[in-house]
């Protein structure tokens, strides 16, 4: 078998917390050719980096071409590289996925785009697991400029160590969001986004998790159900909204898919669940629609004038009072549920 082509760099080796690292320098264009930024994908569970911000990359490339210097190092985790026996050289396989950029992706991308062939200082791991890469990435970026809330939520289940109850509930809410946005029969199919800003009729992962995770904590309203049932409950609520308020649901800027609307509706979900199960012993869409008819005279134009968590709570309280006018049933938290 023909050995792979390689690149060789003089280096210094050192150790931190039992991990082997090397220090060397390399042109940005060369380093870019053997590394990936491992960007987070909307439709998959691979990767941990946030997407490159091209205006930032362009700004850095222009900064470099204006004869400015960038003395700070880029942090890489190499998979296809090894240190020579004498410890004086790093030998990297000449392949695009030889290493992953943990920190400095915009500096590296900007250097690659610049006309100037910038030499960058590089610190690299040669034996770091994906779990430790994620831990290192979150630690560095959270301390320096803050990991985006959506990205942090995406990474929760992969972070080493024990999670507290809130973190565990958020991780489970992220799983629900993934299932809903990947289910073609769900009202949320393709509508929960984590790496881009939500557009019309889209929700951010951050907003979804913010409202749903409290219902998943121990002894909370959805805690006793399986993920399949939880998805079914949320889907049934929104399918019933479509039947009860078709004009608002289908509108291009539906309040049901905006932060304040989604927040208020998830806020009343336990009440809708209790009423429907108490009266019908089922959470099929038809029965949920019957429950929602109690608030059929809602004026959604008023919702659009309001923002913030206080507005969500006020709207939810108004809806709850409409729903409970007839007196809801009160099934136990563990009551079984029949779904479409």
C-alpha atoms as a PDB file:
ATOM      1  CA  UNK A   1       0.000   0.000   0.000  1.00  0.00           C
ATOM      2  CA  UNK A   2       1.404   3.397  -0.989  1.00  0.00           C
ATOM      3  CA  UNK A   3       2.096   5.545   2.082  1.00  0.00           C
ATOM      4  CA  UNK A   4       0.237   8.867   2.194  1.00  0.00           C
ATOM      5  CA  UNK A   5       1.894  12.105   1.168  1.00  0.00           C
ATOM      6  CA  UNK A   6       2.953  14.084   4.204  1.00  0.00           C
ATOM      7  CA  UNK A   7       3.927  17.555   5.352  1.00  0.00           C
ATOM      8  CA  UNK A   8       6.730  17.921   7.886  1.00  0.00           C
ATOM      9  CA  UNK A   9       7.137  20.817  10.325  1.00  0.00           C
ATOM     10  CA  UNK A  10       9.905  21.478  12.869  1.00  0.00           C
ATOM     11  CA  UNK A  11       8.211  21.542  16.252  1.00  0.00           C
ATOM     12  CA  UNK A  12       8.534  21.686  20.011  1.00  0.00           C
ATOM     13  CA  UNK A  13       6.656  19.150  22.130  1.00  0.00           C
ATOM     14  CA  UNK A  14       5.187  19.581  25.581  1.00  0.00           C
ATOM     15  CA  UNK A  15       2.516  18.134  27.847  1.00  0.00           C
ATOM     16  CA  UNK A  16      -0.480  19.563  29.686  1.00  0.00           C
ATOM     17  CA  UNK A  17      -2.724  17.537  32.021  1.00  0.00           C
ATOM     18  CA  UNK A  18      -1.501  14.309  30.481  1.00  0.00           C
ATOM     19  CA  UNK A  19      -2.153  15.434  26.915  1.00  0.00           C
ATOM     20  CA  UNK A  20       0.585  15.659  24.285  1.00  0.00           C
ATOM     21  CA  UNK A  21       0.875  18.943  22.379  1.00  0.00           C
ATOM     22  CA  UNK A  22       3.183  20.352  19.738  1.00  0.00           C
ATOM     23  CA  UNK A  23       4.041  23.928  18.861  1.00  0.00           C
ATOM     24  CA  UNK A  24       5.033  24.866  15.302  1.00  0.00           C
ATOM     25  CA  UNK A  25       4.439  27.517  12.641  1.00  0.00           C
ATOM     26  CA  UNK A  26       2.813  27.143   9.255  1.00  0.00           C
ATOM     27  CA  UNK A  27       1.292  29.303   6.526  1.00  0.00           C
ATOM     28  CA  UNK A  28      -2.453  29.723   6.831  1.00  0.00           C
ATOM     29  CA  UNK A  29      -3.006  28.382   3.317  1.00  0.00           C
ATOM     30  CA  UNK A  30      -1.056  25.201   4.029  1.00  0.00           C
ATOM     31  CA  UNK A  31      -2.781  24.602   7.366  1.00  0.00           C
ATOM     32  CA  UNK A  32      -6.187  25.240   5.783  1.00  0.00           C
ATOM     33  CA  UNK A  33      -5.448  22.521   3.220  1.00  0.00           C
ATOM     34  CA  UNK A  34      -5.149  19.817   5.906  1.00  0.00           C
ATOM     35  CA  UNK A  35      -7.789  20.893   8.438  1.00  0.00           C
ATOM     36  CA  UNK A  36     -11.538  21.258   8.707  1.00  0.00           C
ATOM     37  CA  UNK A  37     -13.570  23.553  10.922  1.00  0.00           C
ATOM     38  CA  UNK A  38     -16.141  20.812  11.606  1.00  0.00           C
ATOM     39  CA  UNK A  39     -19.085  23.146  11.271  1.00  0.00           C
ATOM     40  CA  UNK A  40     -22.329  22.326  13.039  1.00  0.00           C
ATOM     41  CA  UNK A  41     -24.962  21.039  10.575  1.00  0.00           C
ATOM     42  CA  UNK A  42     -28.688  21.748  10.958  1.00  0.00           C
ATOM     43  CA  UNK A  43     -29.760  18.268   9.932  1.00  0.00           C
ATOM     44  CA  UNK A  44     -27.178  16.104  11.650  1.00  0.00           C
ATOM     45  CA  UNK A  45     -25.499  15.274  14.914  1.00  0.00           C
ATOM     46  CA  UNK A  46     -21.952  15.695  13.644  1.00  0.00           C
ATOM     47  CA  UNK A  47     -19.569  18.495  14.399  1.00  0.00           C
ATOM     48  CA  UNK A  48     -19.257  21.049  17.120  1.00  0.00           C
ATOM     49  CA  UNK A  49     -18.053  24.313  15.562  1.00  0.00           C
ATOM     50  CA  UNK A  50     -20.327  27.233  14.813  1.00  0.00           C
ATOM     51  CA  UNK A  51     -20.578  28.148  11.128  1.00  0.00           C
ATOM     52  CA  UNK A  52     -17.984  30.538   9.733  1.00  0.00           C
ATOM     53  CA  UNK A  53     -19.129  34.156   9.629  1.00  0.00           C
ATOM     54  CA  UNK A  54     -17.996  35.247   6.180  1.00  0.00           C
ATOM     55  CA  UNK A  55     -18.056  39.013   6.895  1.00  0.00           C
ATOM     56  CA  UNK A  56     -15.651  38.311   9.756  1.00  0.00           C
ATOM     57  CA  UNK A  57     -13.432  36.174   7.497  1.00  0.00           C
ATOM     58  CA  UNK A  58     -13.375  38.941   4.876  1.00  0.00           C
ATOM     59  CA  UNK A  59     -12.519  41.552   7.504  1.00  0.00           C
ATOM     60  CA  UNK A  60      -9.592  39.463   8.765  1.00  0.00           C
ATOM     61  CA  UNK A  61      -8.274  38.809   5.243  1.00  0.00           C
ATOM     62  CA  UNK A  62      -8.294  42.542   4.488  1.00  0.00           C
ATOM     63  CA  UNK A  63      -6.604  43.212   7.833  1.00  0.00           C
ATOM     64  CA  UNK A  64      -3.819  40.785   6.886  1.00  0.00           C
ATOM     65  CA  UNK A  65      -3.411  42.235   3.391  1.00  0.00           C
ATOM     66  CA  UNK A  66      -3.046  45.685   4.945  1.00  0.00           C
ATOM     67  CA  UNK A  67       0.287  44.434   6.344  1.00  0.00           C
ATOM     68  CA  UNK A  68      -0.984  43.771   9.854  1.00  0.00           C
ATOM     69  CA  UNK A  69       0.139  40.875  12.012  1.00  0.00           C
ATOM     70  CA  UNK A  70      -1.788  38.198  13.948  1.00  0.00           C
ATOM     71  CA  UNK A  71       0.554  36.774  16.595  1.00  0.00           C
ATOM     72  CA  UNK A  72      -1.992  34.614  18.446  1.00  0.00           C
ATOM     73  CA  UNK A  73      -1.909  30.870  17.847  1.00  0.00           C
ATOM     74  CA  UNK A  74      -4.496  28.609  16.240  1.00  0.00           C
ATOM     75  CA  UNK A  75      -5.473  25.462  18.157  1.00  0.00           C
ATOM     76  CA  UNK A  76      -5.749  22.222  16.163  1.00  0.00           C
ATOM     77  CA  UNK A  77      -6.503  18.628  17.072  1.00  0.00           C
ATOM     78  CA  UNK A  78      -4.764  16.314  14.610  1.00  0.00           C
ATOM     79  CA  UNK A  79      -6.084  12.849  13.839  1.00  0.00           C
ATOM     80  CA  UNK A  80      -3.676  11.990  11.039  1.00  0.00           C
ATOM     81  CA  UNK A  81      -0.334  13.234  12.345  1.00  0.00           C
ATOM     82  CA  UNK A  82       2.520  12.015  14.507  1.00  0.00           C
ATOM     83  CA  UNK A  83       5.643  13.353  16.120  1.00  0.00           C
ATOM     84  CA  UNK A  84       8.961  11.979  14.883  1.00  0.00           C
ATOM     85  CA  UNK A  85      10.909   9.676  17.194  1.00  0.00           C
ATOM     86  CA  UNK A  86      13.366  12.432  18.077  1.00  0.00           C
ATOM     87  CA  UNK A  87      10.468  14.745  18.964  1.00  0.00           C
ATOM     88  CA  UNK A  88      11.746  17.459  16.645  1.00  0.00           C
ATOM     89  CA  UNK A  89       9.250  17.224  13.771  1.00  0.00           C
ATOM     90  CA  UNK A  90       5.497  16.900  13.301  1.00  0.00           C
ATOM     91  CA  UNK A  91       4.533  14.756  10.308  1.00  0.00           C
ATOM     92  CA  UNK A  92       0.992  15.437   9.018  1.00  0.00           C
ATOM     93  CA  UNK A  93      -0.796  13.351   6.402  1.00  0.00           C
ATOM     94  CA  UNK A  94      -1.604  15.502   3.376  1.00  0.00           C
ATOM     95  CA  UNK A  95      -5.411  15.162   3.506  1.00  0.00           C
ATOM     96  CA  UNK A  96      -8.206  17.642   4.141  1.00  0.00           C
ATOM     97  CA  UNK A  97      -9.368  15.957   7.339  1.00  0.00           C
ATOM     98  CA  UNK A  98      -5.966  15.502   8.948  1.00  0.00           C
ATOM     99  CA  UNK A  99      -7.016  17.828  11.755  1.00  0.00           C
ATOM    100  CA  UNK A 100      -9.894  19.812  13.258  1.00  0.00           C
ATOM    101  CA  UNK A 101      -9.779  23.486  14.192  1.00  0.00           C
ATOM    102  CA  UNK A 102     -10.751  23.874  17.849  1.00  0.00           C
ATOM    103  CA  UNK A 103     -10.036  27.582  18.116  1.00  0.00           C
ATOM    104  CA  UNK A 104      -9.057  30.254  15.580  1.00  0.00           C
ATOM    105  CA  UNK A 105     -11.182  29.157  12.626  1.00  0.00           C
ATOM    106  CA  UNK A 106     -11.842  32.743  11.501  1.00  0.00           C
ATOM    107  CA  UNK A 107      -8.159  33.698  11.731  1.00  0.00           C
ATOM    108  CA  UNK A 108      -7.249  30.609   9.737  1.00  0.00           C
ATOM    109  CA  UNK A 109      -9.987  31.160   7.120  1.00  0.00           C
ATOM    110  CA  UNK A 110      -9.057  34.836   6.846  1.00  0.00           C
ATOM    111  CA  UNK A 111      -5.413  33.902   6.336  1.00  0.00           C
ATOM    112  CA  UNK A 112      -6.381  31.441   3.645  1.00  0.00           C
ATOM    113  CA  UNK A 113      -8.472  34.082   1.816  1.00  0.00           C
ATOM    114  CA  UNK A 114      -5.815  36.804   2.061  1.00  0.00           C
ATOM    115  CA  UNK A 115      -3.365  37.428  -0.781  1.00  0.00           C
ATOM    116  CA  UNK A 116      -0.557  37.570   1.787  1.00  0.00           C
ATOM    117  CA  UNK A 117       0.740  34.111   2.679  1.00  0.00           C
ATOM    118  CA  UNK A 118       0.538  34.656   6.431  1.00  0.00           C
ATOM    119  CA  UNK A 119       2.565  32.454   8.769  1.00  0.00           C
ATOM    120  CA  UNK A 120       0.585  31.464  11.866  1.00  0.00           C
ATOM    121  CA  UNK A 121       1.783  30.044  15.180  1.00  0.00           C
ATOM    122  CA  UNK A 122       0.021  26.737  15.812  1.00  0.00           C
ATOM    123  CA  UNK A 123      -0.552  24.657  18.944  1.00  0.00           C
ATOM    124  CA  UNK A 124      -1.820  21.160  18.231  1.00  0.00           C
ATOM    125  CA  UNK A 125      -3.035  18.123  20.111  1.00  0.00           C
ATOM    126  CA  UNK A 126      -2.053  14.743  18.698  1.00  0.00           C
ATOM    127  CA  UNK A 127      -4.134  12.462  20.933  1.00  0.00           C
ATOM    128  CA  UNK A 128      -7.371  14.263  21.812  1.00  0.00           C
ATOM    129  CA  UNK A 129     -10.721  12.412  21.794  1.00  0.00           C
ATOM    130  CA  UNK A 130     -13.817  14.049  20.276  1.00  0.00           C
ATOM    131  CA  UNK A 131     -15.255  14.435  23.793  1.00  0.00           C
ATOM    132  CA  UNK A 132     -12.154  16.294  24.938  1.00  0.00           C
ATOM    133  CA  UNK A 133     -12.189  18.393  21.757  1.00  0.00           C
ATOM    134  CA  UNK A 134     -15.729  19.524  22.600  1.00  0.00           C
ATOM    135  CA  UNK A 135     -14.816  20.227  26.224  1.00  0.00           C
ATOM    136  CA  UNK A 136     -11.798  22.261  25.108  1.00  0.00           C
ATOM    137  CA  UNK A 137     -13.814  24.158  22.478  1.00  0.00           C
ATOM    138  CA  UNK A 138     -16.597  25.116  24.921  1.00  0.00           C
ATOM    139  CA  UNK A 139     -14.163  26.102  27.673  1.00  0.00           C
ATOM    140  CA  UNK A 140     -12.040  28.315  25.411  1.00  0.00           C
ATOM    141  CA  UNK A 141     -14.912  30.012  23.597  1.00  0.00           C
ATOM    142  CA  UNK A 142     -17.135  30.447  26.643  1.00  0.00           C
ATOM    143  CA  UNK A 143     -14.321  32.194  28.502  1.00  0.00           C
ATOM    144  CA  UNK A 144     -13.205  34.374  25.567  1.00  0.00           C
ATOM    145  CA  UNK A 145     -16.403  35.493  23.868  1.00  0.00           C
ATOM    146  CA  UNK A 146     -19.208  33.141  24.783  1.00  0.00           C
ATOM    147  CA  UNK A 147     -20.474  30.071  22.970  1.00  0.00           C
ATOM    148  CA  UNK A 148     -23.835  30.770  21.349  1.00  0.00           C
ATOM    149  CA  UNK A 149     -26.707  29.441  23.450  1.00  0.00           C
ATOM    150  CA  UNK A 150     -27.942  27.178  20.653  1.00  0.00           C
ATOM    151  CA  UNK A 151     -24.493  25.678  20.150  1.00  0.00           C
ATOM    152  CA  UNK A 152     -24.064  25.114  23.892  1.00  0.00           C
ATOM    153  CA  UNK A 153     -27.424  23.309  23.977  1.00  0.00           C
ATOM    154  CA  UNK A 154     -26.400  21.138  21.022  1.00  0.00           C
ATOM    155  CA  UNK A 155     -23.251  20.093  22.879  1.00  0.00           C
ATOM    156  CA  UNK A 156     -24.777  19.409  26.296  1.00  0.00           C
ATOM    157  CA  UNK A 157     -25.206  15.662  25.907  1.00  0.00           C
ATOM    158  CA  UNK A 158     -21.614  15.289  24.662  1.00  0.00           C
ATOM    159  CA  UNK A 159     -19.943  17.207  27.468  1.00  0.00           C
ATOM    160  CA  UNK A 160     -17.960  15.051  29.941  1.00  0.00           C
ATOM    161  CA  UNK A 161     -19.073  14.818  33.556  1.00  0.00           C
ATOM    162  CA  UNK A 162     -22.407  14.718  35.340  1.00  0.00           C
ATOM    163  CA  UNK A 163     -25.250  17.029  34.343  1.00  0.00           C
ATOM    164  CA  UNK A 164     -27.558  18.644  36.875  1.00  0.00           C
ATOM    165  CA  UNK A 165     -31.348  18.325  36.552  1.00  0.00           C
ATOM    166  CA  UNK A 166     -31.703  21.501  34.506  1.00  0.00           C
ATOM    167  CA  UNK A 167     -28.912  20.538  32.085  1.00  0.00           C
ATOM    168  CA  UNK A 168     -30.374  17.055  31.748  1.00  0.00           C
ATOM    169  CA  UNK A 169     -33.828  18.459  30.972  1.00  0.00           C
ATOM    170  CA  UNK A 170     -32.319  20.817  28.393  1.00  0.00           C
ATOM    171  CA  UNK A 171     -30.428  17.955  26.742  1.00  0.00           C
ATOM    172  CA  UNK A 172     -33.672  15.973  26.475  1.00  0.00           C
ATOM    173  CA  UNK A 173     -35.455  19.028  25.058  1.00  0.00           C
ATOM    174  CA  UNK A 174     -32.741  19.262  22.384  1.00  0.00           C
ATOM    175  CA  UNK A 175     -33.406  15.616  21.496  1.00  0.00           C
ATOM    176  CA  UNK A 176     -37.126  16.389  21.161  1.00  0.00           C
ATOM    177  CA  UNK A 177     -36.341  19.353  18.921  1.00  0.00           C
ATOM    178  CA  UNK A 178     -34.228  17.140  16.645  1.00  0.00           C
ATOM    179  CA  UNK A 179     -36.994  14.531  16.410  1.00  0.00           C
ATOM    180  CA  UNK A 180     -39.654  17.123  15.628  1.00  0.00           C
ATOM    181  CA  UNK A 181     -37.675  18.993  12.986  1.00  0.00           C
ATOM    182  CA  UNK A 182     -36.738  15.746  11.234  1.00  0.00           C
ATOM    183  CA  UNK A 183     -40.279  14.297  11.234  1.00  0.00           C
ATOM    184  CA  UNK A 184     -41.982  15.134   7.923  1.00  0.00           C
ATOM    185  CA  UNK A 185     -45.417  14.698   9.523  1.00  0.00           C
ATOM    186  CA  UNK A 186     -44.684  17.208  12.302  1.00  0.00           C
ATOM    187  CA  UNK A 187     -45.752  20.879  12.200  1.00  0.00           C
ATOM    188  CA  UNK A 188     -42.141  21.592  13.238  1.00  0.00           C
ATOM    189  CA  UNK A 189     -40.519  19.764  10.328  1.00  0.00           C
ATOM    190  CA  UNK A 190     -37.519  21.858   9.258  1.00  0.00           C
ATOM    191  CA  UNK A 191     -38.647  24.743  11.463  1.00  0.00           C
ATOM    192  CA  UNK A 192     -36.345  24.540  14.499  1.00  0.00           C
ATOM    193  CA  UNK A 193     -32.937  26.030  13.700  1.00  0.00           C
ATOM    194  CA  UNK A 194     -29.735  26.208  15.735  1.00  0.00           C
ATOM    195  CA  UNK A 195     -26.967  27.582  13.526  1.00  0.00           C
ATOM    196  CA  UNK A 196     -28.908  30.334  11.767  1.00  0.00           C
ATOM    197  CA  UNK A 197     -31.314  33.057  12.870  1.00  0.00           C
ATOM    198  CA  UNK A 198     -34.941  31.925  12.626  1.00  0.00           C
ATOM    199  CA  UNK A 199     -36.821  33.220   9.619  1.00  0.00           C
ATOM    200  CA  UNK A 200     -40.579  33.559   9.252  1.00  0.00           C
ATOM    201  CA  UNK A 201     -42.372  30.466  10.609  1.00  0.00           C
ATOM    202  CA  UNK A 202     -39.164  29.152  12.219  1.00  0.00           C
ATOM    203  CA  UNK A 203     -38.180  28.801  15.867  1.00  0.00           C
ATOM    204  CA  UNK A 204     -34.728  28.954  17.369  1.00  0.00           C
ATOM    205  CA  UNK A 205     -33.503  25.906  19.249  1.00  0.00           C
ATOM    206  CA  UNK A 206     -32.789  28.227  22.174  1.00  0.00           C
ATOM    207  CA  UNK A 207     -36.421  29.346  22.361  1.00  0.00           C
ATOM    208  CA  UNK A 208     -37.739  25.794  21.993  1.00  0.00           C
ATOM    209  CA  UNK A 209     -35.535  24.479  24.792  1.00  0.00           C
ATOM    210  CA  UNK A 210     -36.208  27.504  27.016  1.00  0.00           C
ATOM    211  CA  UNK A 211     -39.936  26.743  27.052  1.00  0.00           C
ATOM    212  CA  UNK A 212     -39.982  22.947  26.820  1.00  0.00           C
ATOM    213  CA  UNK A 213     -37.244  21.916  29.252  1.00  0.00           C
ATOM    214  CA  UNK A 214     -39.145  22.940  32.430  1.00  0.00           C
ATOM    215  CA  UNK A 215     -41.834  20.414  31.467  1.00  0.00           C
ATOM    216  CA  UNK A 216     -39.200  17.646  31.392  1.00  0.00           C
ATOM    217  CA  UNK A 217     -37.734  18.093  34.867  1.00  0.00           C
ATOM    218  CA  UNK A 218     -38.511  15.417  37.498  1.00  0.00           C
ATOM    219  CA  UNK A 219     -42.226  15.454  38.407  1.00  0.00           C
ATOM    220  CA  UNK A 220     -42.991  18.095  35.759  1.00  0.00           C
ATOM    221  CA  UNK A 221     -45.968  17.613  33.433  1.00  0.00           C
ATOM    222  CA  UNK A 222     -44.197  15.729  30.627  1.00  0.00           C
ATOM    223  CA  UNK A 223     -41.592  13.953  32.764  1.00  0.00           C
ATOM    224  CA  UNK A 224     -43.402  10.604  32.927  1.00  0.00           C
ATOM    225  CA  UNK A 225     -43.868  10.194  29.169  1.00  0.00           C
ATOM    226  CA  UNK A 226     -41.523   8.714  26.578  1.00  0.00           C
ATOM    227  CA  UNK A 227     -39.919  10.955  23.966  1.00  0.00           C
ATOM    228  CA  UNK A 228     -42.325   9.506  21.395  1.00  0.00           C
ATOM    229  CA  UNK A 229     -45.317  10.533  23.502  1.00  0.00           C
ATOM    230  CA  UNK A 230     -43.810  13.960  24.226  1.00  0.00           C
ATOM    231  CA  UNK A 231     -43.365  14.617  20.515  1.00  0.00           C
ATOM    232  CA  UNK A 232     -46.898  13.387  19.930  1.00  0.00           C
ATOM    233  CA  UNK A 233     -48.288  15.772  22.547  1.00  0.00           C
ATOM    234  CA  UNK A 234     -46.528  18.821  21.092  1.00  0.00           C
ATOM    235  CA  UNK A 235     -47.491  17.811  17.547  1.00  0.00           C
ATOM    236  CA  UNK A 236     -51.122  17.301  18.564  1.00  0.00           C
ATOM    237  CA  UNK A 237     -51.272  20.758  20.145  1.00  0.00           C
ATOM    238  CA  UNK A 238     -50.071  22.428  16.949  1.00  0.00           C
ATOM    239  CA  UNK A 239     -52.188  20.289  14.634  1.00  0.00           C
ATOM    240  CA  UNK A 240     -55.195  21.253  16.737  1.00  0.00           C
ATOM    241  CA  UNK A 241     -54.187  24.913  16.458  1.00  0.00           C
ATOM    242  CA  UNK A 242     -54.178  24.486  12.678  1.00  0.00           C
ATOM    243  CA  UNK A 243     -57.733  23.155  12.766  1.00  0.00           C
ATOM    244  CA  UNK A 244     -59.008  25.725  15.275  1.00  0.00           C
ATOM    245  CA  UNK A 245     -57.284  28.804  13.832  1.00  0.00           C
ATOM    246  CA  UNK A 246     -56.464  27.902  10.200  1.00  0.00           C
ATOM    247  CA  UNK A 247     -56.088  31.493   8.987  1.00  0.00           C
ATOM    248  CA  UNK A 248     -53.590  32.468  11.678  1.00  0.00           C
ATOM    249  CA  UNK A 249     -51.772  29.141  11.488  1.00  0.00           C
ATOM    250  CA  UNK A 250     -51.231  29.369   7.726  1.00  0.00           C
ATOM    251  CA  UNK A 251     -50.266  33.041   7.658  1.00  0.00           C
ATOM    252  CA  UNK A 252     -46.753  33.862   6.493  1.00  0.00           C
ATOM    253  CA  UNK A 253     -45.923  35.411   9.859  1.00  0.00           C
ATOM    254  CA  UNK A 254     -47.966  33.117  12.087  1.00  0.00           C
ATOM    255  CA  UNK A 255     -47.805  34.161  15.727  1.00  0.00           C
ATOM    256  CA  UNK A 256     -47.760  30.486  16.666  1.00  0.00           C
ATOM    257  CA  UNK A 257     -44.198  30.212  15.335  1.00  0.00           C
ATOM    258  CA  UNK A 258     -42.936  33.426  16.887  1.00  0.00           C
ATOM    259  CA  UNK A 259     -41.180  33.622  20.240  1.00  0.00           C
ATOM    260  CA  UNK A 260     -44.050  35.130  22.213  1.00  0.00           C
ATOM    261  CA  UNK A 261     -46.711  32.898  20.638  1.00  0.00           C
ATOM    262  CA  UNK A 262     -44.778  29.657  21.042  1.00  0.00           C
ATOM    263  CA  UNK A 263     -43.871  30.613  24.604  1.00  0.00           C
ATOM    264  CA  UNK A 264     -47.487  31.272  25.573  1.00  0.00           C
ATOM    265  CA  UNK A 265     -48.772  28.094  23.925  1.00  0.00           C
ATOM    266  CA  UNK A 266     -46.204  25.842  25.580  1.00  0.00           C
ATOM    267  CA  UNK A 267     -47.043  27.676  28.790  1.00  0.00           C
ATOM    268  CA  UNK A 268     -50.661  26.431  28.597  1.00  0.00           C
ATOM    269  CA  UNK A 269     -49.779  22.956  27.325  1.00  0.00           C
ATOM    270  CA  UNK A 270     -50.162  21.344  30.792  1.00  0.00           C
ATOM    271  CA  UNK A 271     -53.626  22.898  31.108  1.00  0.00           C
ATOM    272  CA  UNK A 272     -54.657  21.741  27.625  1.00  0.00           C
ATOM    273  CA  UNK A 273     -53.335  18.283  28.453  1.00  0.00           C
ATOM    274  CA  UNK A 274     -55.225  18.081  31.751  1.00  0.00           C
ATOM    275  CA  UNK A 275     -58.510  19.291  30.291  1.00  0.00           C
ATOM    276  CA  UNK A 276     -58.361  17.017  27.242  1.00  0.00           C
ATOM    277  CA  UNK A 277     -57.319  13.891  29.120  1.00  0.00           C
ATOM    278  CA  UNK A 278     -59.791  14.622  31.909  1.00  0.00           C
ATOM    279  CA  UNK A 279     -62.711  14.896  29.496  1.00  0.00           C
ATOM    280  CA  UNK A 280     -61.749  12.529  26.675  1.00  0.00           C
ATOM    281  CA  UNK A 281     -59.040  10.246  28.106  1.00  0.00           C
ATOM    282  CA  UNK A 282     -57.186  10.819  24.859  1.00  0.00           C
ATOM    283  CA  UNK A 283     -54.980  13.494  23.320  1.00  0.00           C
ATOM    284  CA  UNK A 284     -55.951  12.865  19.733  1.00  0.00           C
ATOM    285  CA  UNK A 285     -56.044  15.982  17.571  1.00  0.00           C
ATOM    286  CA  UNK A 286     -59.846  16.024  17.403  1.00  0.00           C
ATOM    287  CA  UNK A 287     -60.157  16.080  21.185  1.00  0.00           C
ATOM    288  CA  UNK A 288     -57.450  18.734  21.550  1.00  0.00           C
ATOM    289  CA  UNK A 289     -59.280  20.834  18.954  1.00  0.00           C
ATOM    290  CA  UNK A 290     -62.436  20.581  21.068  1.00  0.00           C
ATOM    291  CA  UNK A 291     -60.476  21.890  24.052  1.00  0.00           C
ATOM    292  CA  UNK A 292     -59.006  24.787  22.070  1.00  0.00           C
ATOM    293  CA  UNK A 293     -62.474  25.850  20.926  1.00  0.00           C
ATOM    294  CA  UNK A 294     -62.858  27.378  24.393  1.00  0.00           C
ATOM    295  CA  UNK A 295     -60.455  30.135  23.359  1.00  0.00           C
ATOM    296  CA  UNK A 296     -61.702  30.488  19.764  1.00  0.00           C
ATOM    297  CA  UNK A 297     -62.409  34.216  20.172  1.00  0.00           C
ATOM    298  CA  UNK A 298     -58.736  35.131  20.749  1.00  0.00           C
ATOM    299  CA  UNK A 299     -57.502  38.310  19.057  1.00  0.00           C
ATOM    300  CA  UNK A 300     -54.013  37.420  17.859  1.00  0.00           C
ATOM    301  CA  UNK A 301     -53.309  40.940  16.607  1.00  0.00           C
ATOM    302  CA  UNK A 302     -52.768  41.961  20.237  1.00  0.00           C
ATOM    303  CA  UNK A 303     -50.093  39.284  20.644  1.00  0.00           C
ATOM    304  CA  UNK A 304     -47.985  40.902  17.945  1.00  0.00           C
ATOM    305  CA  UNK A 305     -47.680  44.090  19.961  1.00  0.00           C
ATOM    306  CA  UNK A 306     -46.074  42.271  22.903  1.00  0.00           C
ATOM    307  CA  UNK A 307     -42.596  40.929  23.535  1.00  0.00           C
ATOM    308  CA  UNK A 308     -40.652  39.363  26.384  1.00  0.00           C
ATOM    309  CA  UNK A 309     -41.264  36.651  28.957  1.00  0.00           C
ATOM    310  CA  UNK A 310     -43.726  38.863  30.834  1.00  0.00           C
ATOM    311  CA  UNK A 311     -45.887  39.073  27.718  1.00  0.00           C
ATOM    312  CA  UNK A 312     -45.729  35.296  27.289  1.00  0.00           C
ATOM    313  CA  UNK A 313     -46.934  34.781  30.845  1.00  0.00           C
ATOM    314  CA  UNK A 314     -49.706  37.360  30.484  1.00  0.00           C
ATOM    315  CA  UNK A 315     -50.981  35.784  27.272  1.00  0.00           C
ATOM    316  CA  UNK A 316     -50.739  32.302  28.777  1.00  0.00           C
ATOM    317  CA  UNK A 317     -52.714  33.420  31.833  1.00  0.00           C
ATOM    318  CA  UNK A 318     -55.433  34.893  29.611  1.00  0.00           C
ATOM    319  CA  UNK A 319     -55.658  31.693  27.590  1.00  0.00           C
ATOM    320  CA  UNK A 320     -55.642  29.571  30.735  1.00  0.00           C
ATOM    321  CA  UNK A 321     -58.583  31.488  32.164  1.00  0.00           C
ATOM    322  CA  UNK A 322     -60.523  30.919  28.929  1.00  0.00           C
ATOM    323  CA  UNK A 323     -59.708  27.225  28.974  1.00  0.00           C
ATOM    324  CA  UNK A 324     -60.600  26.585  32.598  1.00  0.00           C
ATOM    325  CA  UNK A 325     -63.947  28.361  32.540  1.00  0.00           C
ATOM    326  CA  UNK A 326     -65.678  24.994  32.294  1.00  0.00           C
ATOM    327  CA  UNK A 327     -63.445  23.290  34.852  1.00  0.00           C
ATOM    328  CA  UNK A 328     -60.741  20.922  33.651  1.00  0.00           C
ATOM    329  CA  UNK A 329     -60.256  17.322  34.581  1.00  0.00           C
ATOM    330  CA  UNK A 330     -57.101  16.514  36.509  1.00  0.00           C
ATOM    331  CA  UNK A 331     -55.494  13.209  35.497  1.00  0.00           C
ATOM    332  CA  UNK A 332     -52.324  12.100  37.245  1.00  0.00           C
ATOM    333  CA  UNK A 333     -48.892  12.853  35.798  1.00  0.00           C
ATOM    334  CA  UNK A 334     -48.492   9.225  34.852  1.00  0.00           C
ATOM    335  CA  UNK A 335     -51.779   8.906  32.983  1.00  0.00           C
ATOM    336  CA  UNK A 336     -51.409   7.021  29.719  1.00  0.00           C
ATOM    337  CA  UNK A 337     -52.063   8.935  26.566  1.00  0.00           C
ATOM    338  CA  UNK A 338     -53.725   8.010  23.300  1.00  0.00           C
ATOM    339  CA  UNK A 339     -52.392   9.883  20.273  1.00  0.00           C
ATOM    340  CA  UNK A 340     -53.039   9.930  16.528  1.00  0.00           C
END
